[in-house]
Amino acid sequence: MESIPVRNVVLCVDDEEAVRCLLEFALEPFGYVALVASNGREALRLAAQRRVDAVILDYVMPDMNGGEVAQEMKRLRPDVPIILFSGSPDIPSSTLMHVDAVVAKGEGLRPLLAVLARLQVPGKKQLAVRRFPRFPARLSLAVTVSRAGKLAMLQGISTELGEGGIGGIVDGDLEPGECVLLTISDSRLKTQLEPHAQVRYRKDNNYGFAFSDVGPIAQANVRQFCGRLVSG
């Protein structure tokens, strides 16, 4: 049976409840499980007890600062990447030695998600059953994405299609986490789909997209499309 990586667990450490809630909300749609801690000691306790695949860490916290937490975290979990997500303008070099990347809070969530996707190591992930099977599919694929307040359309071709998403080669740059509109068409079958999706992964110009906000009617259309590919 076809399989995909299980969802990665991201430990989010921040003393501000609003930031923790924001990270939980932002990570879930992209397949991550957010594990939250309000201080450094709680984070280290969770890291010792639970599986953790990555850490998003604030710097200024009341009990332990981000540098102290990162140093101890690397001792506990040396292979787990740590992203310092901080609004502090001055991060000591002693802290930078123990983290894998730094993203300023002022930059927002998009670069944070991009760095998180880049730091994940597929070979270390466990396997789980894919919810929907994928079928080889060579279809016309267009991706509409917002760029500086304007819509841009990138052209490509699909390589596989399933009820939950599509994979393909796109002539252009997209970042994991971006929301896009796809146009999937097959002149032979005289069929066209236009689902909203999120970029789930990128390797060179090969992309994976997960369908989002797909209602019953749209889901039925995707299912019918997959059926035609199998029978055709």
Protein backbone atom coordinates (compact mmCIF):
# COMPACT_ATOMS: atom_id res chain seq x y z
CA MET A 1 0.00 0.00 0.00
CA GLU A 2 1.24 3.50 -0.80
CA SER A 3 2.72 5.36 2.16
CA ILE A 4 3.72 8.87 3.16
CA PRO A 5 5.67 10.34 6.08
CA VAL A 6 3.75 10.72 9.32
CA ARG A 7 3.17 14.26 10.52
CA ASN A 8 6.20 15.87 12.10
CA VAL A 9 5.96 17.08 15.70
CA VAL A 10 7.14 20.67 16.17
CA LEU A 11 7.84 21.88 19.70
CA CYS A 12 6.87 25.58 19.90
CA VAL A 13 8.41 27.44 22.86
CA ASP A 14 7.20 30.97 23.64
CA ASP A 15 6.08 32.70 26.83
CA GLU A 16 3.36 34.65 24.96
CA GLU A 17 0.11 32.71 24.68
CA ALA A 18 -0.91 34.59 21.52
CA VAL A 19 2.25 33.46 19.74
CA ARG A 20 1.78 29.85 20.83
CA CYS A 21 -1.81 29.86 19.57
CA LEU A 22 -0.74 31.46 16.28
CA LEU A 23 1.93 28.82 15.71
CA GLU A 24 -0.51 25.99 16.51
CA PHE A 25 -3.03 27.43 14.05
CA ALA A 26 -0.43 27.99 11.32
CA LEU A 27 1.32 24.61 11.53
CA GLU A 28 -1.73 22.33 11.49
CA PRO A 29 -2.81 22.93 7.83
CA PHE A 30 0.67 22.00 6.63
CA GLY A 31 0.67 18.59 8.28
CA TYR A 32 2.61 19.42 11.44
CA VAL A 33 1.57 18.57 14.99
CA ALA A 34 2.30 21.49 17.32
CA LEU A 35 3.51 20.70 20.83
CA VAL A 36 3.59 23.91 22.89
CA ALA A 37 5.55 25.05 25.94
CA SER A 38 5.36 28.39 27.75
CA ASN A 39 8.91 28.33 29.13
CA GLY A 40 12.27 26.66 28.73
CA ARG A 41 11.97 24.15 31.54
CA GLU A 42 8.64 22.91 30.26
CA ALA A 43 10.10 22.61 26.76
CA LEU A 44 13.02 20.50 27.96
CA ARG A 45 10.69 18.25 29.94
CA LEU A 46 8.51 17.68 26.85
CA ALA A 47 11.56 17.05 24.67
CA ALA A 48 12.73 14.39 27.12
CA GLN A 49 9.35 12.66 27.19
CA ARG A 50 7.93 13.06 23.69
CA ARG A 51 9.00 12.62 20.09
CA VAL A 52 10.11 15.97 18.66
CA ASP A 53 11.13 16.51 15.03
CA ALA A 54 11.85 20.26 15.16
CA VAL A 55 11.83 23.15 17.64
CA ILE A 56 10.62 26.73 17.16
CA LEU A 57 12.12 28.74 20.00
CA ASP A 58 11.71 32.28 21.34
CA TYR A 59 14.76 34.04 22.78
CA VAL A 60 13.50 36.31 25.57
CA MET A 61 11.71 34.22 28.19
CA PRO A 62 11.42 34.60 31.99
CA ASP A 63 13.09 31.42 33.28
CA MET A 64 15.66 30.46 30.65
CA ASN A 65 16.56 32.43 27.55
CA GLY A 66 16.54 30.84 24.10
CA GLY A 67 20.30 30.31 24.13
CA GLU A 68 20.20 28.32 27.34
CA VAL A 69 17.27 26.24 26.11
CA ALA A 70 18.91 25.61 22.73
CA GLN A 71 22.16 24.46 24.32
CA GLU A 72 20.39 21.98 26.60
CA MET A 73 18.04 20.89 23.80
CA LYS A 74 21.00 20.02 21.58
CA ARG A 75 22.40 17.91 24.40
CA LEU A 76 19.09 16.05 24.70
CA ARG A 77 18.26 15.89 20.98
CA PRO A 78 21.39 16.68 18.94
CA ASP A 79 19.75 15.77 15.60
CA VAL A 80 16.61 17.89 16.06
CA PRO A 81 16.76 21.23 14.16
CA ILE A 82 16.11 24.38 16.19
CA ILE A 83 14.70 27.57 14.65
CA LEU A 84 15.07 30.71 16.74
CA PHE A 85 11.88 32.74 16.13
CA SER A 86 12.47 35.99 17.98
CA GLY A 87 11.70 39.68 17.94
CA SER A 88 14.95 40.49 19.71
CA PRO A 89 17.32 42.55 17.49
CA ASP A 90 20.50 41.37 19.21
CA ILE A 91 21.06 37.63 19.44
CA PRO A 92 24.37 36.67 21.09
CA SER A 93 26.80 34.61 19.02
CA SER A 94 26.83 32.05 21.84
CA THR A 95 23.14 31.40 21.09
CA LEU A 96 23.61 31.23 17.32
CA MET A 97 26.09 28.39 17.84
CA HIS A 98 23.28 26.16 19.11
CA VAL A 99 20.50 26.90 16.59
CA ASP A 100 20.09 25.84 12.97
CA ALA A 101 18.28 28.92 11.67
CA VAL A 102 17.01 32.33 12.78
CA VAL A 103 13.76 33.94 11.63
CA ALA A 104 12.70 37.38 12.88
CA LYS A 105 9.15 37.52 14.18
CA GLY A 106 8.66 40.68 12.16
CA GLU A 107 9.08 38.69 8.95
CA GLY A 108 5.91 36.73 9.64
CA LEU A 109 5.03 33.07 9.30
CA ARG A 110 5.77 32.47 5.63
CA PRO A 111 9.59 32.47 5.93
CA LEU A 112 9.29 30.47 9.15
CA LEU A 113 7.30 27.74 7.39
CA ALA A 114 9.76 27.77 4.48
CA VAL A 115 12.74 27.31 6.81
CA LEU A 116 10.91 24.58 8.73
CA ALA A 117 10.21 22.67 5.51
CA ARG A 118 13.83 23.06 4.40
CA LEU A 119 15.23 21.71 7.67
CA GLN A 120 13.11 18.57 7.71
CA VAL A 121 14.96 15.36 6.73
CA PRO A 122 12.61 12.94 4.87
CA GLY A 123 14.87 9.95 5.44
CA LYS A 124 14.35 10.16 9.20
CA LYS A 125 10.54 10.12 9.09
CA GLN A 126 8.48 7.07 9.87
CA LEU A 127 5.95 5.77 7.36
CA ALA A 128 2.19 5.76 7.59
CA VAL A 129 -0.58 4.76 5.22
CA ARG A 130 -1.50 7.48 2.72
CA ARG A 131 -5.15 8.41 3.09
CA PHE A 132 -5.81 8.52 -0.65
CA PRO A 133 -3.93 6.56 -3.34
CA ARG A 134 -2.08 8.48 -6.05
CA PHE A 135 -2.27 7.64 -9.76
CA PRO A 136 0.26 8.49 -12.48
CA ALA A 137 -1.21 11.42 -14.39
CA ARG A 138 0.26 13.60 -17.12
CA LEU A 139 -2.08 16.58 -17.13
CA SER A 140 -1.82 20.27 -17.90
CA LEU A 141 -1.23 22.15 -14.63
CA ALA A 142 -1.40 25.90 -14.05
CA VAL A 143 -0.70 27.51 -10.67
CA THR A 144 -2.08 30.94 -9.80
CA VAL A 145 -0.32 32.63 -6.89
CA SER A 146 -0.29 36.13 -5.40
CA ARG A 147 2.93 38.06 -5.95
CA ALA A 148 3.29 41.56 -4.47
CA GLY A 149 -0.46 42.03 -4.53
CA LYS A 150 -0.79 40.81 -8.12
CA LEU A 151 -1.75 37.39 -9.47
CA ALA A 152 0.86 35.43 -11.39
CA MET A 153 0.26 32.20 -13.29
CA LEU A 154 2.94 29.52 -13.51
CA GLN A 155 2.70 26.70 -16.03
CA GLY A 156 3.52 23.07 -15.42
CA ILE A 157 2.57 19.46 -15.87
CA SER A 158 1.38 16.93 -13.32
CA THR A 159 3.07 13.64 -12.52
CA GLU A 160 0.50 12.10 -10.16
CA LEU A 161 -3.00 12.81 -8.88
CA GLY A 162 -5.10 11.65 -5.96
CA GLU A 163 -8.21 12.75 -4.09
CA GLY A 164 -6.08 14.63 -1.56
CA GLY A 165 -3.64 16.39 -3.83
CA ILE A 166 -1.43 16.46 -6.88
CA GLY A 167 2.27 16.34 -7.68
CA GLY A 168 3.92 17.95 -10.67
CA ILE A 169 6.67 19.97 -12.28
CA VAL A 170 6.13 23.74 -12.32
CA ASP A 171 8.13 26.33 -14.24
CA GLY A 172 8.61 28.88 -11.46
CA ASP A 173 9.33 29.39 -7.78
CA LEU A 174 6.89 28.50 -5.01
CA GLU A 175 7.49 28.17 -1.29
CA PRO A 176 6.13 25.42 0.98
CA GLY A 177 3.12 26.82 2.79
CA GLU A 178 1.92 29.12 0.01
CA CYS A 179 -1.77 29.06 -0.87
CA VAL A 180 -2.48 28.74 -4.59
CA LEU A 181 -5.25 28.10 -7.10
CA LEU A 182 -4.67 25.15 -9.41
CA THR A 183 -6.08 24.61 -12.87
CA ILE A 184 -5.87 20.93 -13.82
CA SER A 185 -7.03 20.02 -17.30
CA ASP A 186 -6.99 17.12 -19.73
CA SER A 187 -7.95 17.86 -23.33
CA ARG A 188 -8.44 14.14 -24.05
CA LEU A 189 -10.99 13.75 -21.27
CA LYS A 190 -12.33 17.27 -21.81
CA THR A 191 -12.23 17.78 -18.05
CA GLN A 192 -10.97 20.67 -15.94
CA LEU A 193 -10.63 21.11 -12.17
CA GLU A 194 -9.83 24.31 -10.26
CA PRO A 195 -9.14 23.39 -6.61
CA HIS A 196 -7.51 25.63 -4.02
CA ALA A 197 -4.37 24.07 -2.60
CA GLN A 198 -1.31 24.58 -0.43
CA VAL A 199 2.28 23.86 -1.41
CA ARG A 200 3.36 20.94 0.78
CA TYR A 201 6.89 20.29 -0.47
CA ARG A 202 9.42 21.31 -3.09
CA LYS A 203 12.45 19.60 -4.58
CA ASP A 204 13.95 21.67 -7.37
CA ASN A 205 10.96 22.28 -9.68
CA ASN A 206 9.03 19.25 -8.43
CA TYR A 207 6.17 20.23 -6.15
CA GLY A 208 3.50 18.54 -4.08
CA PHE A 209 0.16 20.27 -3.50
CA ALA A 210 -2.51 19.38 -0.93
CA PHE A 211 -6.07 20.33 -1.84
CA SER A 212 -7.71 22.67 0.68
CA ASP A 213 -11.28 23.88 1.25
CA VAL A 214 -12.60 21.15 -1.02
CA GLY A 215 -16.34 20.73 -0.53
CA PRO A 216 -18.41 17.61 -1.30
CA ILE A 217 -19.09 18.59 -4.91
CA ALA A 218 -15.46 19.45 -5.66
CA GLN A 219 -14.32 16.26 -3.92
CA ALA A 220 -16.71 14.23 -6.06
CA ASN A 221 -15.29 15.89 -9.18
CA VAL A 222 -11.74 14.99 -8.12
CA ARG A 223 -12.82 11.42 -7.41
CA GLN A 224 -14.50 11.20 -10.82
CA PHE A 225 -11.38 12.62 -12.45
CA CYS A 226 -9.21 9.96 -10.77
CA GLY A 227 -11.67 7.28 -11.88
CA ARG A 228 -11.35 8.40 -15.48
CA LEU A 229 -7.57 8.22 -15.26
CA VAL A 230 -7.73 4.64 -14.01
CA SER A 231 -10.29 3.51 -16.59
CA GLY A 232 -8.67 5.50 -19.38
